[in-house]
C-alpha atoms as a PDB file:
ATOM      1  CA  MET A   1      23.141  39.782 -85.123  1.00  0.00           C
ATOM      2  CA  ASN A   2      21.177  42.287 -87.225  1.00  0.00           C
ATOM      3  CA  LEU A   3      17.716  43.398 -86.187  1.00  0.00           C
ATOM      4  CA  THR A   4      14.682  41.633 -87.689  1.00  0.00           C
ATOM      5  CA  SER A   5      11.445  43.591 -88.003  1.00  0.00           C
ATOM      6  CA  ILE A   6       8.442  41.287 -87.536  1.00  0.00           C
ATOM      7  CA  ILE A   7       5.362  42.866 -89.137  1.00  0.00           C
ATOM      8  CA  ILE A   8       2.002  41.370 -88.171  1.00  0.00           C
ATOM      9  CA  PRO A   9      -1.230  42.540 -89.859  1.00  0.00           C
ATOM     10  CA  ASN A  10      -4.252  42.007 -87.640  1.00  0.00           C
ATOM     11  CA  TYR A  11      -8.007  42.265 -87.979  1.00  0.00           C
ATOM     12  CA  ASN A  12     -10.217  41.343 -85.012  1.00  0.00           C
ATOM     13  CA  GLY A  13      -7.783  38.636 -83.970  1.00  0.00           C
ATOM     14  CA  ARG A  14      -6.856  39.586 -80.430  1.00  0.00           C
ATOM     15  CA  THR A  15      -6.630  36.016 -79.101  1.00  0.00           C
ATOM     16  CA  LEU A  16      -4.682  34.790 -82.130  1.00  0.00           C
ATOM     17  CA  LEU A  17      -2.408  37.816 -81.996  1.00  0.00           C
ATOM     18  CA  ALA A  18      -1.700  37.329 -78.299  1.00  0.00           C
ATOM     19  CA  ASP A  19      -0.817  33.656 -78.777  1.00  0.00           C
ATOM     20  CA  CYS A  20       1.379  34.507 -81.763  1.00  0.00           C
ATOM     21  CA  ILE A  21       3.302  37.197 -79.887  1.00  0.00           C
ATOM     22  CA  TYR A  22       3.733  35.062 -76.788  1.00  0.00           C
ATOM     23  CA  SER A  23       5.201  32.294 -78.950  1.00  0.00           C
ATOM     24  CA  ILE A  24       7.611  34.785 -80.560  1.00  0.00           C
ATOM     25  CA  ARG A  25       8.759  35.982 -77.149  1.00  0.00           C
ATOM     26  CA  GLN A  26       9.229  32.427 -75.947  1.00  0.00           C
ATOM     27  CA  HIS A  27      11.128  31.076 -78.949  1.00  0.00           C
ATOM     28  CA  THR A  28      13.148  33.967 -80.413  1.00  0.00           C
ATOM     29  CA  ASP A  29      16.711  34.538 -79.217  1.00  0.00           C
ATOM     30  CA  VAL A  30      17.929  36.998 -81.854  1.00  0.00           C
ATOM     31  CA  PRO A  31      17.291  40.780 -81.895  1.00  0.00           C
ATOM     32  CA  TYR A  32      13.842  41.657 -83.200  1.00  0.00           C
ATOM     33  CA  GLU A  33      11.104  44.257 -83.109  1.00  0.00           C
ATOM     34  CA  ILE A  34       7.380  43.615 -83.496  1.00  0.00           C
ATOM     35  CA  ILE A  35       5.144  45.986 -85.443  1.00  0.00           C
ATOM     36  CA  VAL A  36       1.416  45.215 -85.424  1.00  0.00           C
ATOM     37  CA  VAL A  37      -0.682  46.954 -88.071  1.00  0.00           C
ATOM     38  CA  ASP A  38      -4.300  46.744 -86.995  1.00  0.00           C
ATOM     39  CA  ASN A  39      -6.984  46.969 -89.665  1.00  0.00           C
ATOM     40  CA  GLY A  40      -9.728  48.705 -87.697  1.00  0.00           C
ATOM     41  CA  SER A  41     -10.330  45.945 -85.134  1.00  0.00           C
ATOM     42  CA  THR A  42     -13.149  46.301 -82.611  1.00  0.00           C
ATOM     43  CA  ASP A  43     -12.180  43.379 -80.349  1.00  0.00           C
ATOM     44  CA  GLY A  44      -9.597  45.040 -78.103  1.00  0.00           C
ATOM     45  CA  SER A  45      -6.587  44.155 -80.246  1.00  0.00           C
ATOM     46  CA  THR A  46      -5.067  47.619 -79.937  1.00  0.00           C
ATOM     47  CA  GLU A  47      -5.666  47.660 -76.180  1.00  0.00           C
ATOM     48  CA  PHE A  48      -3.737  44.388 -75.972  1.00  0.00           C
ATOM     49  CA  CYS A  49      -0.840  45.910 -77.921  1.00  0.00           C
ATOM     50  CA  ARG A  50      -0.841  48.943 -75.655  1.00  0.00           C
ATOM     51  CA  GLN A  51      -0.866  46.796 -72.513  1.00  0.00           C
ATOM     52  CA  GLU A  52       1.954  44.622 -73.838  1.00  0.00           C
ATOM     53  CA  GLN A  53       3.969  47.676 -74.969  1.00  0.00           C
ATOM     54  CA  ILE A  54       3.998  46.476 -78.570  1.00  0.00           C
ATOM     55  CA  THR A  55       4.553  48.991 -81.356  1.00  0.00           C
ATOM     56  CA  PHE A  56       1.328  49.205 -83.341  1.00  0.00           C
ATOM     57  CA  VAL A  57      -0.507  51.243 -85.939  1.00  0.00           C
ATOM     58  CA  SER A  58      -4.280  51.516 -85.626  1.00  0.00           C
ATOM     59  CA  LEU A  59      -6.034  52.057 -88.954  1.00  0.00           C
ATOM     60  CA  PRO A  60      -9.598  53.438 -88.932  1.00  0.00           C
ATOM     61  CA  GLU A  61     -10.827  50.740 -91.308  1.00  0.00           C
ATOM     62  CA  ASN A  62      -9.849  47.383 -92.777  1.00  0.00           C
ATOM     63  CA  ARG A  63      -7.523  48.216 -95.658  1.00  0.00           C
ATOM     64  CA  GLY A  64      -6.534  44.586 -96.265  1.00  0.00           C
ATOM     65  CA  PHE A  65      -3.393  42.513 -95.881  1.00  0.00           C
ATOM     66  CA  PRO A  66      -1.137  44.114 -98.543  1.00  0.00           C
ATOM     67  CA  ALA A  67      -1.760  47.663 -97.321  1.00  0.00           C
ATOM     68  CA  ALA A  68      -1.165  46.685 -93.696  1.00  0.00           C
ATOM     69  CA  CYS A  69       2.100  44.975 -94.637  1.00  0.00           C
ATOM     70  CA  ASN A  70       3.202  48.048 -96.596  1.00  0.00           C
ATOM     71  CA  ILE A  71       2.589  50.360 -93.650  1.00  0.00           C
ATOM     72  CA  GLY A  72       4.592  48.056 -91.388  1.00  0.00           C
ATOM     73  CA  LEU A  73       7.414  47.755 -93.907  1.00  0.00           C
ATOM     74  CA  GLN A  74       7.713  51.527 -94.162  1.00  0.00           C
ATOM     75  CA  LEU A  75       7.928  51.849 -90.380  1.00  0.00           C
ATOM     76  CA  SER A  76      10.423  49.022 -89.928  1.00  0.00           C
ATOM     77  CA  ARG A  77      14.021  49.520 -88.780  1.00  0.00           C
ATOM     78  CA  GLY A  78      15.399  46.040 -89.344  1.00  0.00           C
ATOM     79  CA  ASP A  79      18.061  44.752 -91.689  1.00  0.00           C
ATOM     80  CA  ASN A  80      15.762  41.738 -92.127  1.00  0.00           C
ATOM     81  CA  LEU A  81      12.023  42.079 -92.707  1.00  0.00           C
ATOM     82  CA  LEU A  82       9.465  39.421 -91.792  1.00  0.00           C
ATOM     83  CA  LEU A  83       5.797  39.456 -92.775  1.00  0.00           C
ATOM     84  CA  LEU A  84       3.898  37.186 -90.393  1.00  0.00           C
ATOM     85  CA  ASN A  85       0.258  36.136 -90.136  1.00  0.00           C
ATOM     86  CA  ASN A  86      -1.362  36.594 -86.740  1.00  0.00           C
ATOM     87  CA  ASP A  87      -2.624  32.996 -86.780  1.00  0.00           C
ATOM     88  CA  VAL A  88       0.742  31.266 -86.443  1.00  0.00           C
ATOM     89  CA  LEU A  89       2.639  29.810 -83.501  1.00  0.00           C
ATOM     90  CA  VAL A  90       6.402  29.733 -83.866  1.00  0.00           C
ATOM     91  CA  THR A  91       8.687  27.071 -82.407  1.00  0.00           C
ATOM     92  CA  ARG A  92      12.242  26.864 -81.126  1.00  0.00           C
ATOM     93  CA  GLU A  93      14.943  28.540 -83.196  1.00  0.00           C
ATOM     94  CA  TRP A  94      12.424  29.274 -85.944  1.00  0.00           C
ATOM     95  CA  LEU A  95      13.860  32.677 -86.823  1.00  0.00           C
ATOM     96  CA  GLU A  96      17.518  31.823 -86.233  1.00  0.00           C
ATOM     97  CA  ARG A  97      17.340  29.021 -88.776  1.00  0.00           C
ATOM     98  CA  MET A  98      15.514  31.108 -91.340  1.00  0.00           C
ATOM     99  CA  LEU A  99      18.141  33.839 -90.924  1.00  0.00           C
ATOM    100  CA  ASP A 100      20.921  31.269 -91.347  1.00  0.00           C
ATOM    101  CA  CYS A 101      19.360  30.234 -94.633  1.00  0.00           C
ATOM    102  CA  LEU A 102      18.685  33.806 -95.782  1.00  0.00           C
ATOM    103  CA  HIS A 103      22.275  34.913 -95.233  1.00  0.00           C
ATOM    104  CA  SER A 104      23.976  31.746 -96.459  1.00  0.00           C
ATOM    105  CA  SER A 105      24.303  33.230 -99.945  1.00  0.00           C
ATOM    106  CA  ALA A 106      24.198  36.723-101.451  1.00  0.00           C
ATOM    107  CA  ASP A 107      21.632  35.679-104.059  1.00  0.00           C
ATOM    108  CA  ILE A 108      19.049  34.379-101.571  1.00  0.00           C
ATOM    109  CA  GLY A 109      16.395  37.053-101.188  1.00  0.00           C
ATOM    110  CA  VAL A 110      13.425  35.434 -99.426  1.00  0.00           C
ATOM    111  CA  VAL A 111      13.052  32.482 -97.054  1.00  0.00           C
ATOM    112  CA  GLY A 112      10.000  30.729 -95.638  1.00  0.00           C
ATOM    113  CA  PRO A 113       9.605  27.911 -93.097  1.00  0.00           C
ATOM    114  CA  VAL A 114       7.781  24.612 -93.311  1.00  0.00           C
ATOM    115  CA  THR A 115       4.390  24.388 -91.659  1.00  0.00           C
ATOM    116  CA  ASP A 116       1.363  22.196 -91.076  1.00  0.00           C
ATOM    117  CA  TYR A 117      -1.017  24.354 -93.155  1.00  0.00           C
ATOM    118  CA  ALA A 118      -0.099  26.040 -96.422  1.00  0.00           C
ATOM    119  CA  SER A 119      -0.380  25.617-100.147  1.00  0.00           C
ATOM    120  CA  GLY A 120       2.519  24.129-102.040  1.00  0.00           C
ATOM    121  CA  ARG A 121       5.791  22.571-100.934  1.00  0.00           C
ATOM    122  CA  GLN A 122       5.976  24.234 -97.532  1.00  0.00           C
ATOM    123  CA  GLN A 123       3.195  22.082 -96.107  1.00  0.00           C
ATOM    124  CA  LEU A 124       4.089  18.987 -94.091  1.00  0.00           C
ATOM    125  CA  ASP A 125       1.742  16.256 -92.928  1.00  0.00           C
ATOM    126  CA  VAL A 126       1.900  16.246 -89.133  1.00  0.00           C
ATOM    127  CA  SER A 127      -1.567  14.777 -88.515  1.00  0.00           C
ATOM    128  CA  GLY A 128      -1.715  12.701 -85.364  1.00  0.00           C
ATOM    129  CA  MET A 129       1.710  13.831 -84.163  1.00  0.00           C
ATOM    130  CA  GLN A 130       2.400  15.431 -80.793  1.00  0.00           C
ATOM    131  CA  GLN A 131       4.366  18.663 -80.777  1.00  0.00           C
ATOM    132  CA  GLU A 132       7.589  17.073 -79.539  1.00  0.00           C
ATOM    133  CA  GLU A 133       7.333  14.453 -82.295  1.00  0.00           C
ATOM    134  CA  VAL A 134       6.849  17.203 -84.866  1.00  0.00           C
ATOM    135  CA  LEU A 135       9.837  19.176 -83.593  1.00  0.00           C
ATOM    136  CA  ALA A 136      12.037  16.096 -83.378  1.00  0.00           C
ATOM    137  CA  GLN A 137      11.272  15.168 -86.978  1.00  0.00           C
ATOM    138  CA  PHE A 138      10.985  18.542 -88.679  1.00  0.00           C
ATOM    139  CA  SER A 139      12.773  21.085 -86.481  1.00  0.00           C
ATOM    140  CA  THR A 140      16.273  19.691 -86.084  1.00  0.00           C
ATOM    141  CA  ARG A 141      18.952  22.025 -87.433  1.00  0.00           C
ATOM    142  CA  ASP A 142      19.922  20.619 -90.826  1.00  0.00           C
ATOM    143  CA  ARG A 143      21.019  22.623 -93.856  1.00  0.00           C
ATOM    144  CA  GLY A 144      20.335  19.548 -95.950  1.00  0.00           C
ATOM    145  CA  LYS A 145      16.631  20.342 -95.561  1.00  0.00           C
ATOM    146  CA  TRP A 146      16.948  23.697 -97.292  1.00  0.00           C
ATOM    147  CA  GLN A 147      15.516  23.745-100.806  1.00  0.00           C
ATOM    148  CA  VAL A 148      15.092  26.232-103.622  1.00  0.00           C
ATOM    149  CA  ALA A 149      11.469  27.244-104.244  1.00  0.00           C
ATOM    150  CA  ASP A 150       9.492  29.060-106.925  1.00  0.00           C
ATOM    151  CA  ARG A 151       7.272  30.735-104.341  1.00  0.00           C
ATOM    152  CA  ILE A 152       7.089  31.371-100.609  1.00  0.00           C
ATOM    153  CA  VAL A 153       3.671  31.629 -98.994  1.00  0.00           C
ATOM    154  CA  GLY A 154       3.081  35.004 -97.367  1.00  0.00           C
ATOM    155  CA  LEU A 155       2.087  33.623 -93.968  1.00  0.00           C
ATOM    156  CA  CYS A 156       5.754  33.839 -92.890  1.00  0.00           C
ATOM    157  CA  TYR A 157       7.930  35.690 -95.360  1.00  0.00           C
ATOM    158  CA  LEU A 158      11.494  36.689 -94.430  1.00  0.00           C
ATOM    159  CA  MET A 159      13.527  38.914 -96.732  1.00  0.00           C
ATOM    160  CA  LYS A 160      16.642  41.033 -96.725  1.00  0.00           C
ATOM    161  CA  ARG A 161      16.288  44.805 -96.511  1.00  0.00           C
ATOM    162  CA  GLU A 162      18.109  45.115 -99.836  1.00  0.00           C
ATOM    163  CA  VAL A 163      15.387  43.018-101.488  1.00  0.00           C
ATOM    164  CA  PHE A 164      12.687  45.365-100.225  1.00  0.00           C
ATOM    165  CA  ASP A 165      14.728  48.365-101.353  1.00  0.00           C
ATOM    166  CA  ARG A 166      14.948  46.925-104.877  1.00  0.00           C
ATOM    167  CA  VAL A 167      11.515  45.314-105.249  1.00  0.00           C
ATOM    168  CA  GLY A 168       9.416  47.803-103.308  1.00  0.00           C
ATOM    169  CA  LEU A 169       6.042  47.535-101.616  1.00  0.00           C
ATOM    170  CA  LEU A 170       3.414  44.846-102.024  1.00  0.00           C
ATOM    171  CA  ASP A 171       0.999  45.505-104.870  1.00  0.00           C
ATOM    172  CA  GLU A 172      -2.237  46.733-103.302  1.00  0.00           C
ATOM    173  CA  ARG A 173      -4.255  45.901-106.415  1.00  0.00           C
ATOM    174  CA  PHE A 174      -4.547  42.460-104.777  1.00  0.00           C
ATOM    175  CA  SER A 175      -6.284  43.862-101.684  1.00  0.00           C
ATOM    176  CA  PRO A 176      -7.794  42.669 -99.430  1.00  0.00           C
ATOM    177  CA  GLY A 177      -5.490  39.702-100.048  1.00  0.00           C
ATOM    178  CA  HIS A 178      -4.524  36.586-102.039  1.00  0.00           C
ATOM    179  CA  TYR A 179      -1.861  36.485-104.755  1.00  0.00           C
ATOM    180  CA  GLU A 180       0.024  39.500-103.396  1.00  0.00           C
ATOM    181  CA  ASP A 181       2.646  37.053-102.092  1.00  0.00           C
ATOM    182  CA  ASP A 182       2.856  35.246-105.445  1.00  0.00           C
ATOM    183  CA  ASP A 183       3.254  38.616-107.150  1.00  0.00           C
ATOM    184  CA  TYR A 184       6.053  39.600-104.782  1.00  0.00           C
ATOM    185  CA  CYS A 185       7.848  36.283-105.273  1.00  0.00           C
ATOM    186  CA  PHE A 186       7.655  36.791-109.018  1.00  0.00           C
ATOM    187  CA  ARG A 187       9.146  40.283-108.710  1.00  0.00           C
ATOM    188  CA  VAL A 188      11.923  39.074-106.390  1.00  0.00           C
ATOM    189  CA  ARG A 189      12.909  36.384-108.875  1.00  0.00           C
ATOM    190  CA  LEU A 190      12.942  38.948-111.704  1.00  0.00           C
ATOM    191  CA  GLU A 191      15.576  40.835-109.685  1.00  0.00           C
ATOM    192  CA  GLY A 192      17.756  37.727-109.759  1.00  0.00           C
ATOM    193  CA  TYR A 193      17.237  36.477-106.222  1.00  0.00           C
ATOM    194  CA  ARG A 194      16.513  32.909-105.193  1.00  0.00           C
ATOM    195  CA  LEU A 195      13.684  31.876-102.890  1.00  0.00           C
ATOM    196  CA  MET A 196      14.370  29.207-100.281  1.00  0.00           C
ATOM    197  CA  ILE A 197      12.386  26.964 -97.954  1.00  0.00           C
ATOM    198  CA  ALA A 198      14.207  26.523 -94.655  1.00  0.00           C
ATOM    199  CA  GLY A 199      13.130  22.944 -94.084  1.00  0.00           C
ATOM    200  CA  ASP A 200      14.547  22.904 -90.561  1.00  0.00           C
ATOM    201  CA  SER A 201      12.370  25.814 -89.361  1.00  0.00           C
ATOM    202  CA  PHE A 202       8.828  24.765 -88.430  1.00  0.00           C
ATOM    203  CA  ILE A 203       5.818  26.883 -87.456  1.00  0.00           C
ATOM    204  CA  TYR A 204       2.191  26.030 -86.786  1.00  0.00           C
ATOM    205  CA  HIS A 205      -0.424  27.787 -88.912  1.00  0.00           C
ATOM    206  CA  LEU A 206      -4.042  27.769 -87.798  1.00  0.00           C
ATOM    207  CA  GLY A 207      -5.095  28.717 -91.307  1.00  0.00           C
ATOM    208  CA  SER A 208      -6.907  31.580 -93.040  1.00  0.00           C
ATOM    209  CA  LYS A 209      -8.588  32.879 -89.904  1.00  0.00           C
ATOM    210  CA  SER A 210      -9.172  36.395 -91.211  1.00  0.00           C
ATOM    211  CA  PHE A 211     -10.638  35.245 -94.508  1.00  0.00           C
ATOM    212  CA  GLY A 212     -12.454  32.439 -92.715  1.00  0.00           C
ATOM    213  CA  LYS A 213     -14.690  35.106 -91.201  1.00  0.00           C
ATOM    214  CA  GLU A 214     -15.890  36.090 -94.650  1.00  0.00           C
ATOM    215  CA  ASP A 215     -18.526  34.418 -96.805  1.00  0.00           C
ATOM    216  CA  GLN A 216     -16.838  31.499 -98.558  1.00  0.00           C
ATOM    217  CA  GLU A 217     -18.440  32.316-101.897  1.00  0.00           C
ATOM    218  CA  GLN A 218     -16.982  35.805-101.667  1.00  0.00           C
ATOM    219  CA  VAL A 219     -13.566  34.333-100.874  1.00  0.00           C
ATOM    220  CA  LYS A 220     -13.782  32.076-103.946  1.00  0.00           C
ATOM    221  CA  GLU A 221     -14.722  35.062-106.092  1.00  0.00           C
ATOM    222  CA  LEU A 222     -11.778  37.017-104.646  1.00  0.00           C
ATOM    223  CA  LEU A 223      -9.384  34.178-105.475  1.00  0.00           C
ATOM    224  CA  ILE A 224     -10.632  34.038-109.054  1.00  0.00           C
ATOM    225  CA  ARG A 225     -10.514  37.811-109.448  1.00  0.00           C
ATOM    226  CA  ASN A 226      -6.985  38.182-108.053  1.00  0.00           C
ATOM    227  CA  ARG A 227      -5.700  35.257-110.098  1.00  0.00           C
ATOM    228  CA  GLU A 228      -7.000  37.052-113.178  1.00  0.00           C
ATOM    229  CA  LYS A 229      -5.237  40.234-112.045  1.00  0.00           C
ATOM    230  CA  PHE A 230      -1.971  38.310-111.696  1.00  0.00           C
ATOM    231  CA  ILE A 231      -2.309  36.854-115.199  1.00  0.00           C
ATOM    232  CA  ALA A 232      -3.209  40.253-116.643  1.00  0.00           C
ATOM    233  CA  LYS A 233      -0.153  41.820-114.990  1.00  0.00           C
ATOM    234  CA  TRP A 234       2.424  39.178-115.876  1.00  0.00           C
ATOM    235  CA  GLY A 235       0.983  37.088-118.689  1.00  0.00           C
ATOM    236  CA  VAL A 236       1.702  34.002-116.598  1.00  0.00           C
ATOM    237  CA  ASP A 237      -0.671  31.583-114.886  1.00  0.00           C
ATOM    238  CA  PRO A 238       0.545  31.327-111.263  1.00  0.00           C
ATOM    239  CA  SER A 239      -0.689  27.734-111.049  1.00  0.00           C
ATOM    240  CA  ILE A 240       2.321  26.602-113.095  1.00  0.00           C
ATOM    241  CA  TYR A 241       4.556  27.093-110.066  1.00  0.00           C
ATOM    242  CA  MET A 242       2.034  26.712-107.246  1.00  0.00           C
END
């Protein structure tokens, strides 16, 4: 099985990062490497990475999500590249099933899982369900649950190396974040690749923890500003496929 590079941007999220990495170690049975790109954290995140012998890059300041992803992508060695939020918990066979979907056809370029917290078609309603109920219902291997998508949310974004080689880095004009994943999906589709939701791969997402630390009015302004940047770049309103 080819190596998958798992790239995790982090900003003052030591506890989240630790839980995320422990879940990866518990539930991943295919070859992988982890690369943490730390955006100037002051909470001991880099000390945790050092103690756990995790490859990491320590930036002197918070350069935002797209820049952190780009640094990780350029350091990666894998044939498959995975951008992953630090506020997720993966479950059994999560990556194996996404890889199955990704490599089931030459024209599939990007795959994402289903989750309990996301915008768009990847979100499932698991309210009131225990974990084993969730996994029994949504995490049973079944190719019939795969579906073509117009976009994959950047919280867990698996792509082939050849896609990255053709499409390039994330667009840092969207820093510190929001709409950089929509932009990348748009560019991937322009190259002729399909995007897929692996409906039999489930992860938990705690939800916007990094941006949740910021003033909500500032976050709203950022969303509006980056949406306008997307429209200015492509002449398309991203809401038509969100």
